[in-house]
Protein backbone atom coordinates (compact mmCIF):
# COMPACT_ATOMS: atom_id res chain seq x y z
CA MET A 1 12.01 46.84 -15.46
CA SER A 2 13.90 44.08 -13.48
CA SER A 3 17.29 44.28 -12.31
CA ALA A 4 20.08 41.82 -12.36
CA TRP A 5 19.97 41.38 -8.51
CA TRP A 6 16.27 40.59 -8.65
CA ASN A 7 16.78 37.91 -11.34
CA THR A 8 19.58 36.35 -9.21
CA LEU A 9 17.56 36.47 -5.97
CA SER A 10 14.55 35.07 -7.88
CA VAL A 11 16.61 32.14 -9.16
CA GLU A 12 17.99 31.33 -5.75
CA VAL A 13 14.52 31.58 -3.93
CA ARG A 14 12.99 29.18 -6.61
CA ALA A 15 15.97 26.78 -6.11
CA GLU A 16 15.60 26.88 -2.41
CA LYS A 17 11.78 26.28 -2.50
CA GLY A 18 12.36 23.54 -5.00
CA ALA A 19 14.69 21.73 -2.75
CA GLU A 20 12.26 22.11 0.32
CA LEU A 21 9.56 20.70 -1.83
CA ASP A 22 11.79 17.85 -3.09
CA GLY A 23 12.54 17.08 0.56
CA ALA A 24 8.84 17.14 1.83
CA LEU A 25 7.91 14.77 -1.14
CA THR A 26 10.78 12.41 -0.43
CA ARG A 27 9.60 12.27 3.32
CA ILE A 28 6.06 11.51 2.05
CA ILE A 29 7.30 8.64 -0.21
CA HIS A 30 9.37 7.17 2.75
CA GLU A 31 6.32 7.30 5.18
CA ALA A 32 3.97 5.82 2.67
CA THR A 33 6.40 3.04 1.92
CA ALA A 34 6.91 2.25 5.53
CA GLN A 35 3.18 2.05 6.06
CA LEU A 36 2.60 -0.08 2.89
CA LEU A 37 5.30 -2.45 4.01
CA ASP A 38 3.57 -2.72 7.34
CA ARG A 39 0.15 -3.57 5.68
CA LEU A 40 1.80 -6.02 3.32
CA GLN A 41 3.41 -7.81 6.27
CA HIS A 42 0.79 -7.58 8.82
CA GLY A 43 -2.44 -6.73 6.85
CA ASP A 44 -4.86 -3.83 7.02
CA ALA A 45 -6.37 -2.81 10.33
CA VAL A 46 -9.96 -3.45 10.67
CA LEU A 47 -12.39 -2.86 13.59
CA VAL A 48 -14.31 -6.20 14.56
CA ALA A 49 -16.66 -6.13 17.42
CA GLY A 50 -14.82 -3.09 18.88
CA LYS A 51 -11.48 -4.70 18.79
CA MET A 52 -8.66 -3.82 16.08
CA HIS A 53 -7.60 -6.97 13.94
CA ARG A 54 -5.32 -7.26 10.98
CA ARG A 55 -6.90 -8.51 7.91
CA PRO A 56 -4.60 -9.80 5.13
CA VAL A 57 -4.26 -7.46 2.10
CA SER A 58 -6.66 -8.67 -0.84
CA ALA A 59 -4.99 -10.53 -3.80
CA ARG A 60 -6.30 -7.66 -5.95
CA ASP A 61 -4.55 -4.85 -3.86
CA LEU A 62 -1.39 -7.06 -3.70
CA ALA A 63 -1.45 -7.32 -7.58
CA LEU A 64 -1.93 -3.54 -7.92
CA VAL A 65 0.84 -2.67 -5.37
CA SER A 66 3.30 -4.92 -6.73
CA ALA A 67 2.60 -4.04 -10.45
CA ILE A 68 2.78 -0.18 -9.65
CA THR A 69 5.94 -0.72 -7.48
CA TYR A 70 7.66 -2.80 -10.27
CA ASP A 71 6.92 -0.18 -12.92
CA LYS A 72 8.01 2.72 -10.78
CA ARG A 73 11.26 1.02 -9.83
CA ALA A 74 11.94 0.12 -13.58
CA LEU A 75 11.37 3.81 -14.45
CA ALA A 76 13.75 5.01 -11.63
CA ARG A 77 16.43 2.58 -13.03
CA ASN A 78 15.68 3.67 -16.70
CA GLN A 79 14.66 0.01 -17.39
CA SER A 80 10.99 0.48 -18.27
CA GLU A 81 9.49 -2.82 -19.29
CA SER A 82 6.64 -1.07 -21.14
CA ALA A 83 6.09 -1.67 -24.80
CA PRO A 84 8.53 0.46 -26.92
CA GLU A 85 6.96 3.23 -28.57
CA LYS A 86 6.52 2.59 -32.30
CA GLY A 87 6.96 5.30 -34.93
CA VAL A 88 3.68 5.69 -36.98
CA ASN A 89 4.07 3.97 -40.40
CA LEU A 90 1.56 6.12 -42.40
CA ALA A 91 1.70 3.74 -45.39
CA GLU A 92 0.66 0.86 -43.24
CA LEU A 93 -2.00 3.01 -41.50
CA ALA A 94 -3.47 4.07 -44.75
CA TYR A 95 -3.56 0.53 -46.20
CA SER A 96 -5.33 -0.54 -42.79
CA LEU A 97 -7.90 2.25 -43.00
CA ALA A 98 -8.53 1.50 -46.62
CA ALA A 99 -9.12 -2.19 -45.89
CA PHE A 100 -11.47 -1.28 -43.10
CA ALA A 101 -13.43 1.04 -45.14
CA GLU A 102 -13.71 -1.49 -47.98
CA ALA A 103 -14.76 -4.16 -45.65
CA LYS A 104 -17.49 -1.94 -44.20
CA GLN A 105 -18.69 -0.95 -47.49
CA GLU A 106 -18.95 -4.68 -48.64
CA ARG A 107 -20.97 -5.37 -45.25
CA GLN A 108 -23.27 -2.52 -46.01
CA ARG A 109 -23.80 -3.76 -49.56
CA ARG A 110 -24.45 -7.22 -48.52
CA GLY A 111 -27.01 -5.85 -45.92
CA LYS A 112 -28.88 -3.89 -48.61
CA ASN A 113 -28.99 -6.88 -50.96
CA SER A 114 -30.44 -9.26 -48.34
CA ARG A 115 -33.35 -6.77 -47.63
CA GLY A 116 -34.33 -6.11 -51.12
């Protein structure tokens, strides 16, 4: 049997731990962002003949970074540019499936007729 003081304490501890986790995750995001910016500006560090050099980030990696960052920023601003979700129109779906099945049956009939 739980008592009121236990429920209150439990809620307070969960809130405190949640705030600690949020702070830690925020620090990780800031550190990762700082390192990402450094790599974008100066390139990735690579070891060449025993010496560290900076190699420009590849076009593929730049495209991924920019696309992901753009999408995350849009989500944070509630401005997602992704395709709007469409409600399923069951009548259109049924018609499409029926047309597909009919076309498949017609192909099968033609295949049997050409062999026989």
